[in-house]
């Protein structure tokens, strides 16, 4: 899955951008107070995309 598509999906699910790290971007789900980091790779493995969504407490995307 493309990184930009995953980030767009997170914004649609009300997750907010927290900060940029050296190699990761941190997102927060304010409703559940859960955070997750997204690596700065062009392609993110589907397994990792599902794990990021699970960490944030949202449904994983059905279309990759």
PDB file of N, CA and C in Angstrom:
ATOM      1  N   UNK A   1       0.843  -1.161   0.000  1.00  0.00           N
ATOM      2  CA  UNK A   1       0.000   0.000   0.000  1.00  0.00           C
ATOM      3  C   UNK A   1       0.897   1.235   0.000  1.00  0.00           C
ATOM      4  N   UNK A   2       0.527   2.230  -0.749  1.00  0.00           N
ATOM      5  CA  UNK A   2       1.282   3.475  -0.778  1.00  0.00           C
ATOM      6  C   UNK A   2       1.113   4.217   0.548  1.00  0.00           C
ATOM      7  N   UNK A   3       2.182   4.840   1.002  1.00  0.00           N
ATOM      8  CA  UNK A   3       2.170   5.561   2.277  1.00  0.00           C
ATOM      9  C   UNK A   3       1.130   6.681   2.268  1.00  0.00           C
ATOM     10  N   UNK A   4       1.063   7.417   1.168  1.00  0.00           N
ATOM     11  CA  UNK A   4       0.122   8.531   1.104  1.00  0.00           C
ATOM     12  C   UNK A   4      -1.325   8.053   1.161  1.00  0.00           C
ATOM     13  N   UNK A   5      -1.615   6.875   0.602  1.00  0.00           N
ATOM     14  CA  UNK A   5      -2.974   6.320   0.686  1.00  0.00           C
ATOM     15  C   UNK A   5      -3.321   5.926   2.114  1.00  0.00           C
ATOM     16  N   UNK A   6      -2.350   5.371   2.831  1.00  0.00           N
ATOM     17  CA  UNK A   6      -2.589   5.010   4.233  1.00  0.00           C
ATOM     18  C   UNK A   6      -2.834   6.256   5.073  1.00  0.00           C
ATOM     19  N   UNK A   7      -2.041   7.290   4.858  1.00  0.00           N
ATOM     20  CA  UNK A   7      -2.225   8.533   5.619  1.00  0.00           C
ATOM     21  C   UNK A   7      -3.581   9.153   5.307  1.00  0.00           C
ATOM     22  N   UNK A   8      -3.986   9.134   4.051  1.00  0.00           N
ATOM     23  CA  UNK A   8      -5.303   9.656   3.676  1.00  0.00           C
ATOM     24  C   UNK A   8      -6.409   8.863   4.375  1.00  0.00           C
ATOM     25  N   UNK A   9      -6.236   7.539   4.454  1.00  0.00           N
ATOM     26  CA  UNK A   9      -7.210   6.680   5.126  1.00  0.00           C
ATOM     27  C   UNK A   9      -7.286   7.005   6.622  1.00  0.00           C
ATOM     28  N   UNK A  10      -6.131   7.270   7.248  1.00  0.00           N
ATOM     29  CA  UNK A  10      -6.124   7.611   8.670  1.00  0.00           C
ATOM     30  C   UNK A  10      -6.846   8.926   8.922  1.00  0.00           C
ATOM     31  N   UNK A  11      -6.628   9.923   8.054  1.00  0.00           N
ATOM     32  CA  UNK A  11      -7.320  11.203   8.219  1.00  0.00           C
ATOM     33  C   UNK A  11      -8.834  11.031   8.061  1.00  0.00           C
ATOM     34  N   UNK A  12      -9.272  10.176   7.137  1.00  0.00           N
ATOM     35  CA  UNK A  12     -10.706   9.930   6.948  1.00  0.00           C
ATOM     36  C   UNK A  12     -11.328   9.290   8.182  1.00  0.00           C
ATOM     37  N   UNK A  13     -10.509   8.556   8.950  1.00  0.00           N
ATOM     38  CA  UNK A  13     -10.998   7.893  10.154  1.00  0.00           C
ATOM     39  C   UNK A  13     -10.711   8.693  11.416  1.00  0.00           C
ATOM     40  N   UNK A  14     -10.580   9.997  11.264  1.00  0.00           N
ATOM     41  CA  UNK A  14     -10.451  10.961  12.364  1.00  0.00           C
ATOM     42  C   UNK A  14      -9.174  10.839  13.184  1.00  0.00           C
ATOM     43  N   UNK A  15      -8.137  10.263  12.603  1.00  0.00           N
ATOM     44  CA  UNK A  15      -6.843  10.250  13.277  1.00  0.00           C
ATOM     45  C   UNK A  15      -6.142  11.562  12.948  1.00  0.00           C
ATOM     46  N   UNK A  16      -5.340  12.031  13.879  1.00  0.00           N
ATOM     47  CA  UNK A  16      -4.669  13.309  13.665  1.00  0.00           C
ATOM     48  C   UNK A  16      -3.154  13.130  13.687  1.00  0.00           C
ATOM     49  N   UNK A  17      -2.499  14.000  12.946  1.00  0.00           N
ATOM     50  CA  UNK A  17      -1.048  14.030  12.889  1.00  0.00           C
ATOM     51  C   UNK A  17      -0.523  14.633  14.180  1.00  0.00           C
ATOM     52  N   UNK A  18       0.464  13.992  14.808  1.00  0.00           N
ATOM     53  CA  UNK A  18       1.039  14.489  16.052  1.00  0.00           C
ATOM     54  C   UNK A  18       2.381  15.151  15.794  1.00  0.00           C
ATOM     55  N   UNK A  19       3.313  14.378  15.201  1.00  0.00           N
ATOM     56  CA  UNK A  19       4.648  14.933  14.967  1.00  0.00           C
ATOM     57  C   UNK A  19       5.406  14.089  13.961  1.00  0.00           C
ATOM     58  N   UNK A  20       6.480  14.684  13.456  1.00  0.00           N
ATOM     59  CA  UNK A  20       7.405  13.990  12.569  1.00  0.00           C
ATOM     60  C   UNK A  20       8.624  13.610  13.383  1.00  0.00           C
ATOM     61  N   UNK A  21       9.030  12.373  13.291  1.00  0.00           N
ATOM     62  CA  UNK A  21      10.264  11.939  13.920  1.00  0.00           C
ATOM     63  C   UNK A  21      11.361  11.903  12.876  1.00  0.00           C
ATOM     64  N   UNK A  22      12.496  11.336  13.227  1.00  0.00           N
ATOM     65  CA  UNK A  22      13.606  11.248  12.281  1.00  0.00           C
ATOM     66  C   UNK A  22      13.264  10.325  11.117  1.00  0.00           C
ATOM     67  N   UNK A  23      12.605   9.216  11.421  1.00  0.00           N
ATOM     68  CA  UNK A  23      12.285   8.242  10.373  1.00  0.00           C
ATOM     69  C   UNK A  23      10.827   7.813  10.364  1.00  0.00           C
ATOM     70  N   UNK A  24      10.001   8.384  11.249  1.00  0.00           N
ATOM     71  CA  UNK A  24       8.606   7.985  11.360  1.00  0.00           C
ATOM     72  C   UNK A  24       7.703   9.196  11.505  1.00  0.00           C
ATOM     73  N   UNK A  25       6.431   9.001  11.221  1.00  0.00           N
ATOM     74  CA  UNK A  25       5.387   9.987  11.464  1.00  0.00           C
ATOM     75  C   UNK A  25       4.468   9.392  12.525  1.00  0.00           C
ATOM     76  N   UNK A  26       4.079  10.184  13.494  1.00  0.00           N
ATOM     77  CA  UNK A  26       3.248   9.697  14.594  1.00  0.00           C
ATOM     78  C   UNK A  26       1.821  10.218  14.422  1.00  0.00           C
ATOM     79  N   UNK A  27       0.861   9.303  14.506  1.00  0.00           N
ATOM     80  CA  UNK A  27      -0.554   9.640  14.424  1.00  0.00           C
ATOM     81  C   UNK A  27      -1.249   9.242  15.712  1.00  0.00           C
ATOM     82  N   UNK A  28      -2.341   9.945  16.022  1.00  0.00           N
ATOM     83  CA  UNK A  28      -3.113   9.728  17.249  1.00  0.00           C
ATOM     84  C   UNK A  28      -4.579   9.583  16.898  1.00  0.00           C
ATOM     85  N   UNK A  29      -5.236   8.626  17.537  1.00  0.00           N
ATOM     86  CA  UNK A  29      -6.687   8.525  17.478  1.00  0.00           C
ATOM     87  C   UNK A  29      -7.195   9.201  18.747  1.00  0.00           C
ATOM     88  N   UNK A  30      -7.720  10.435  18.646  1.00  0.00           N
ATOM     89  CA  UNK A  30      -8.097  11.186  19.847  1.00  0.00           C
ATOM     90  C   UNK A  30      -9.292  10.581  20.600  1.00  0.00           C
ATOM     91  N   UNK A  31     -10.125   9.811  19.924  1.00  0.00           N
ATOM     92  CA  UNK A  31     -11.277   9.209  20.593  1.00  0.00           C
ATOM     93  C   UNK A  31     -10.846   8.106  21.545  1.00  0.00           C
ATOM     94  N   UNK A  32      -9.843   7.326  21.153  1.00  0.00           N
ATOM     95  CA  UNK A  32      -9.381   6.207  21.963  1.00  0.00           C
ATOM     96  C   UNK A  32      -8.058   6.477  22.667  1.00  0.00           C
ATOM     97  N   UNK A  33      -7.445   7.622  22.357  1.00  0.00           N
ATOM     98  CA  UNK A  33      -6.148   7.995  22.946  1.00  0.00           C
ATOM     99  C   UNK A  33      -5.068   6.955  22.630  1.00  0.00           C
ATOM    100  N   UNK A  34      -5.056   6.485  21.374  1.00  0.00           N
ATOM    101  CA  UNK A  34      -4.067   5.509  20.944  1.00  0.00           C
ATOM    102  C   UNK A  34      -3.188   6.131  19.867  1.00  0.00           C
ATOM    103  N   UNK A  35      -1.900   5.769  19.888  1.00  0.00           N
ATOM    104  CA  UNK A  35      -0.970   6.295  18.895  1.00  0.00           C
ATOM    105  C   UNK A  35      -0.316   5.155  18.119  1.00  0.00           C
ATOM    106  N   UNK A  36       0.223   5.516  16.965  1.00  0.00           N
ATOM    107  CA  UNK A  36       0.982   4.577  16.155  1.00  0.00           C
ATOM    108  C   UNK A  36       1.943   5.361  15.281  1.00  0.00           C
ATOM    109  N   UNK A  37       3.024   4.713  14.890  1.00  0.00           N
ATOM    110  CA  UNK A  37       4.012   5.352  14.034  1.00  0.00           C
ATOM    111  C   UNK A  37       3.957   4.748  12.636  1.00  0.00           C
ATOM    112  N   UNK A  38       4.197   5.594  11.647  1.00  0.00           N
ATOM    113  CA  UNK A  38       4.211   5.165  10.256  1.00  0.00           C
ATOM    114  C   UNK A  38       5.600   5.446   9.706  1.00  0.00           C
ATOM    115  N   UNK A  39       6.281   4.422   9.199  1.00  0.00           N
ATOM    116  CA  UNK A  39       7.621   4.643   8.654  1.00  0.00           C
ATOM    117  C   UNK A  39       7.561   5.462   7.368  1.00  0.00           C
ATOM    118  N   UNK A  40       8.657   6.113   7.051  1.00  0.00           N
ATOM    119  CA  UNK A  40       8.713   6.926   5.837  1.00  0.00           C
ATOM    120  C   UNK A  40       9.271   6.119   4.677  1.00  0.00           C
ATOM    121  N   UNK A  41       8.487   5.149   4.232  1.00  0.00           N
ATOM    122  CA  UNK A  41       8.807   4.365   3.047  1.00  0.00           C
ATOM    123  C   UNK A  41       7.721   4.663   2.028  1.00  0.00           C
ATOM    124  N   UNK A  42       8.049   4.598   0.749  1.00  0.00           N
ATOM    125  CA  UNK A  42       7.025   4.823  -0.274  1.00  0.00           C
ATOM    126  C   UNK A  42       5.958   3.743  -0.222  1.00  0.00           C
ATOM    127  N   UNK A  43       6.384   2.510  -0.035  1.00  0.00           N
ATOM    128  CA  UNK A  43       5.459   1.379   0.057  1.00  0.00           C
ATOM    129  C   UNK A  43       5.461   0.843   1.479  1.00  0.00           C
ATOM    130  N   UNK A  44       4.274   0.604   2.009  1.00  0.00           N
ATOM    131  CA  UNK A  44       4.129   0.019   3.341  1.00  0.00           C
ATOM    132  C   UNK A  44       3.463  -1.346   3.160  1.00  0.00           C
ATOM    133  N   UNK A  45       4.068  -2.361   3.735  1.00  0.00           N
ATOM    134  CA  UNK A  45       3.555  -3.721   3.623  1.00  0.00           C
ATOM    135  C   UNK A  45       2.119  -3.771   4.144  1.00  0.00           C
ATOM    136  N   UNK A  46       1.277  -4.586   3.508  1.00  0.00           N
ATOM    137  CA  UNK A  46      -0.130  -4.692   3.914  1.00  0.00           C
ATOM    138  C   UNK A  46      -0.276  -5.168   5.354  1.00  0.00           C
ATOM    139  N   UNK A  47       0.602  -6.074   5.781  1.00  0.00           N
ATOM    140  CA  UNK A  47       0.560  -6.541   7.164  1.00  0.00           C
ATOM    141  C   UNK A  47       0.817  -5.380   8.128  1.00  0.00           C
ATOM    142  N   UNK A  48       1.790  -4.539   7.807  1.00  0.00           N
ATOM    143  CA  UNK A  48       2.107  -3.385   8.650  1.00  0.00           C
ATOM    144  C   UNK A  48       0.972  -2.368   8.640  1.00  0.00           C
ATOM    145  N   UNK A  49       0.336  -2.166   7.494  1.00  0.00           N
ATOM    146  CA  UNK A  49      -0.801  -1.240   7.407  1.00  0.00           C
ATOM    147  C   UNK A  49      -1.940  -1.709   8.314  1.00  0.00           C
ATOM    148  N   UNK A  50      -2.208  -3.021   8.314  1.00  0.00           N
ATOM    149  CA  UNK A  50      -3.254  -3.563   9.198  1.00  0.00           C
ATOM    150  C   UNK A  50      -2.872  -3.383  10.663  1.00  0.00           C
ATOM    151  N   UNK A  51      -1.587  -3.576  10.988  1.00  0.00           N
ATOM    152  CA  UNK A  51      -1.131  -3.422  12.367  1.00  0.00           C
ATOM    153  C   UNK A  51      -1.258  -1.970  12.828  1.00  0.00           C
ATOM    154  N   UNK A  52      -0.929  -1.021  11.976  1.00  0.00           N
ATOM    155  CA  UNK A  52      -1.057   0.396  12.313  1.00  0.00           C
ATOM    156  C   UNK A  52      -2.510   0.727  12.603  1.00  0.00           C
ATOM    157  N   UNK A  53      -3.421   0.243  11.764  1.00  0.00           N
ATOM    158  CA  UNK A  53      -4.846   0.487  11.994  1.00  0.00           C
ATOM    159  C   UNK A  53      -5.316  -0.172  13.286  1.00  0.00           C
ATOM    160  N   UNK A  54      -4.842  -1.371  13.558  1.00  0.00           N
ATOM    161  CA  UNK A  54      -5.212  -2.064  14.797  1.00  0.00           C
ATOM    162  C   UNK A  54      -4.689  -1.296  16.008  1.00  0.00           C
ATOM    163  N   UNK A  55      -3.465  -0.774  15.915  1.00  0.00           N
ATOM    164  CA  UNK A  55      -2.900   0.019  17.011  1.00  0.00           C
ATOM    165  C   UNK A  55      -3.734   1.267  17.282  1.00  0.00           C
ATOM    166  N   UNK A  56      -4.286   1.858  16.227  1.00  0.00           N
ATOM    167  CA  UNK A  56      -5.084   3.078  16.372  1.00  0.00           C
ATOM    168  C   UNK A  56      -6.549   2.778  16.698  1.00  0.00           C
ATOM    169  N   UNK A  57      -6.946   1.530  16.655  1.00  0.00           N
ATOM    170  CA  UNK A  57      -8.313   1.154  16.999  1.00  0.00           C
ATOM    171  C   UNK A  57      -9.311   1.410  15.890  1.00  0.00           C
ATOM    172  N   UNK A  58      -8.862   1.385  14.627  1.00  0.00           N
ATOM    173  CA  UNK A  58      -9.780   1.573  13.507  1.00  0.00           C
ATOM    174  C   UNK A  58      -9.749   0.320  12.634  1.00  0.00           C
ATOM    175  N   UNK A  59     -10.770   0.190  11.783  1.00  0.00           N
ATOM    176  CA  UNK A  59     -10.838  -0.940  10.865  1.00  0.00           C
ATOM    177  C   UNK A  59      -9.745  -0.805   9.816  1.00  0.00           C
ATOM    178  N   UNK A  60      -9.079  -1.894   9.478  1.00  0.00           N
ATOM    179  CA  UNK A  60      -8.077  -1.814   8.402  1.00  0.00           C
ATOM    180  C   UNK A  60      -8.758  -1.577   7.053  1.00  0.00           C
ATOM    181  N   UNK A  61      -8.057  -0.953   6.124  1.00  0.00           N
ATOM    182  CA  UNK A  61      -8.662  -0.713   4.802  1.00  0.00           C
ATOM    183  C   UNK A  61      -8.914  -2.039   4.088  1.00  0.00           C
ATOM    184  N   UNK A  62     -10.017  -2.101   3.371  1.00  0.00           N
ATOM    185  CA  UNK A  62     -10.352  -3.331   2.659  1.00  0.00           C
ATOM    186  C   UNK A  62      -9.680  -3.376   1.292  1.00  0.00           C
ATOM    187  N   UNK A  63      -9.350  -2.224   0.745  1.00  0.00           N
ATOM    188  CA  UNK A  63      -8.728  -2.159  -0.573  1.00  0.00           C
ATOM    189  C   UNK A  63      -7.301  -1.681  -0.447  1.00  0.00           C
ATOM    190  N   UNK A  64      -6.358  -2.449  -0.984  1.00  0.00           N
ATOM    191  CA  UNK A  64      -4.945  -2.056  -0.906  1.00  0.00           C
ATOM    192  C   UNK A  64      -4.477  -1.536  -2.204  1.00  0.00           C
TER     193      UNK A  64
END
